[in-house]
């Protein structure tokens, strides 16, 4: 069993955390009061940790491409992330939460599927 596949539960928790944080900063309450999430941003340490975790998760997705057991999941995770990023860059503030939620749900589903696959192989 490749070591990279053992980190699946951590990245699954990270994805769930991302959904909670995105709801806080780009959620319905922020949209109702017409708040700009760039003005509400998290503190610098939290922003640094979040950015570092994002870079780490992207690197992990690329490492998955090297494993035959995680190749399909890694490719799908990268594709969903790239498509979601492209959609978020092109849509307005009111649609960002929809795109983030859908993208996060698909990635969580893929990570859960990979987690079950890893569990079965243990």
Protein backbone atom coordinates (compact mmCIF):
# COMPACT_ATOMS: atom_id res chain seq x y z
CA UNK A 1 0.00 0.00 0.00
CA UNK A 2 1.56 3.33 -1.06
CA UNK A 3 2.03 5.79 1.79
CA UNK A 4 0.28 8.61 -0.10
CA UNK A 5 -2.99 6.71 0.05
CA UNK A 6 -2.88 6.64 3.85
CA UNK A 7 -3.38 10.42 3.94
CA UNK A 8 -6.86 10.20 2.39
CA UNK A 9 -8.74 10.70 5.71
CA UNK A 10 -6.77 13.89 6.43
CA UNK A 11 -7.65 15.38 3.06
CA UNK A 12 -11.26 14.32 3.51
CA UNK A 13 -11.38 16.25 6.80
CA UNK A 14 -9.69 19.20 5.08
CA UNK A 15 -12.37 19.25 2.37
CA UNK A 16 -15.11 19.26 5.00
CA UNK A 17 -13.33 22.09 6.81
CA UNK A 18 -13.10 24.01 3.55
CA UNK A 19 -16.86 23.78 3.05
CA UNK A 20 -17.49 25.14 6.56
CA UNK A 21 -15.03 28.00 6.11
CA UNK A 22 -16.35 28.91 2.66
CA UNK A 23 -19.90 29.03 4.06
CA UNK A 24 -18.68 31.39 6.75
CA UNK A 25 -16.98 33.82 4.36
CA UNK A 26 -19.13 33.48 1.23
CA UNK A 27 -22.33 32.11 2.78
CA UNK A 28 -25.94 33.14 2.51
CA UNK A 29 -25.67 35.64 5.38
CA UNK A 30 -22.79 37.39 3.61
CA UNK A 31 -24.71 37.46 0.34
CA UNK A 32 -27.85 38.83 2.05
CA UNK A 33 -25.97 41.72 3.61
CA UNK A 34 -24.00 42.24 0.39
CA UNK A 35 -20.70 41.66 2.19
CA UNK A 36 -17.50 41.28 0.23
CA UNK A 37 -15.52 38.26 1.46
CA UNK A 38 -12.26 39.97 0.57
CA UNK A 39 -12.97 42.54 3.30
CA UNK A 40 -13.79 39.88 5.89
CA UNK A 41 -10.82 37.65 5.22
CA UNK A 42 -9.35 35.42 7.91
CA UNK A 43 -6.36 36.45 9.98
CA UNK A 44 -2.93 36.06 8.42
CA UNK A 45 -2.01 32.84 10.27
CA UNK A 46 -5.29 31.18 9.25
CA UNK A 47 -4.91 32.39 5.66
CA UNK A 48 -1.36 31.03 5.58
CA UNK A 49 -2.42 27.64 6.95
CA UNK A 50 -5.32 27.44 4.51
CA UNK A 51 -3.10 28.35 1.55
CA UNK A 52 -0.42 25.89 2.63
CA UNK A 53 -3.03 23.14 3.00
CA UNK A 54 -4.36 23.94 -0.49
CA UNK A 55 -0.89 23.68 -2.01
CA UNK A 56 -0.28 20.48 -0.08
CA UNK A 57 -3.55 18.99 -1.30
CA UNK A 58 -2.72 19.85 -4.93
CA UNK A 59 0.72 18.28 -4.53
CA UNK A 60 -0.90 15.20 -3.00
CA UNK A 61 -3.31 14.95 -5.94
CA UNK A 62 -0.35 14.96 -8.33
CA UNK A 63 1.36 12.27 -6.21
CA UNK A 64 -1.81 10.18 -6.54
CA UNK A 65 -1.23 10.15 -10.30
CA UNK A 66 1.94 8.11 -9.69
CA UNK A 67 0.03 5.33 -7.87
CA UNK A 68 -1.99 2.87 -9.95
CA UNK A 69 -4.49 2.51 -7.07
CA UNK A 70 -5.16 6.24 -6.79
CA UNK A 71 -4.56 7.40 -10.36
CA UNK A 72 -8.21 7.68 -11.43
CA UNK A 73 -9.22 9.42 -8.21
CA UNK A 74 -6.26 11.81 -8.46
CA UNK A 75 -7.08 12.66 -12.06
CA UNK A 76 -10.73 13.25 -11.22
CA UNK A 77 -9.84 15.38 -8.18
CA UNK A 78 -7.51 17.52 -10.28
CA UNK A 79 -10.12 17.88 -13.04
CA UNK A 80 -12.89 18.86 -10.61
CA UNK A 81 -10.60 21.35 -8.88
CA UNK A 82 -9.49 22.93 -12.15
CA UNK A 83 -13.02 23.15 -13.53
CA UNK A 84 -14.30 24.56 -10.23
CA UNK A 85 -11.55 27.16 -10.18
CA UNK A 86 -12.36 28.20 -13.73
CA UNK A 87 -16.07 28.50 -12.94
CA UNK A 88 -15.42 30.49 -9.76
CA UNK A 89 -13.21 32.93 -11.65
CA UNK A 90 -15.97 33.63 -14.14
CA UNK A 91 -19.08 33.86 -11.97
CA UNK A 92 -20.48 36.53 -9.70
CA UNK A 93 -20.41 36.54 -5.92
CA UNK A 94 -23.88 35.01 -5.61
CA UNK A 95 -22.89 31.94 -7.63
CA UNK A 96 -19.55 31.32 -5.95
CA UNK A 97 -21.20 29.55 -3.00
CA UNK A 98 -23.11 27.27 -5.36
CA UNK A 99 -19.96 26.39 -7.29
CA UNK A 100 -17.93 25.90 -4.09
CA UNK A 101 -20.59 23.65 -2.58
CA UNK A 102 -20.97 21.53 -5.71
CA UNK A 103 -17.20 21.29 -6.22
CA UNK A 104 -16.65 20.39 -2.57
CA UNK A 105 -19.39 17.76 -2.66
CA UNK A 106 -17.86 16.08 -5.71
CA UNK A 107 -14.37 16.15 -4.20
CA UNK A 108 -15.66 14.79 -0.87
CA UNK A 109 -17.42 12.00 -2.75
CA UNK A 110 -14.22 11.14 -4.61
CA UNK A 111 -12.16 11.21 -1.42
CA UNK A 112 -14.71 9.09 0.43
CA UNK A 113 -14.64 6.58 -2.42
CA UNK A 114 -10.85 6.48 -2.29
CA UNK A 115 -10.96 6.15 1.50
CA UNK A 116 -13.26 3.12 1.24
CA UNK A 117 -10.99 1.62 -1.42
CA UNK A 118 -7.93 2.09 0.79
CA UNK A 119 -9.78 0.63 3.79
CA UNK A 120 -10.71 -2.49 1.79
CA UNK A 121 -7.10 -3.02 0.73
CA UNK A 122 -5.76 -2.82 4.28
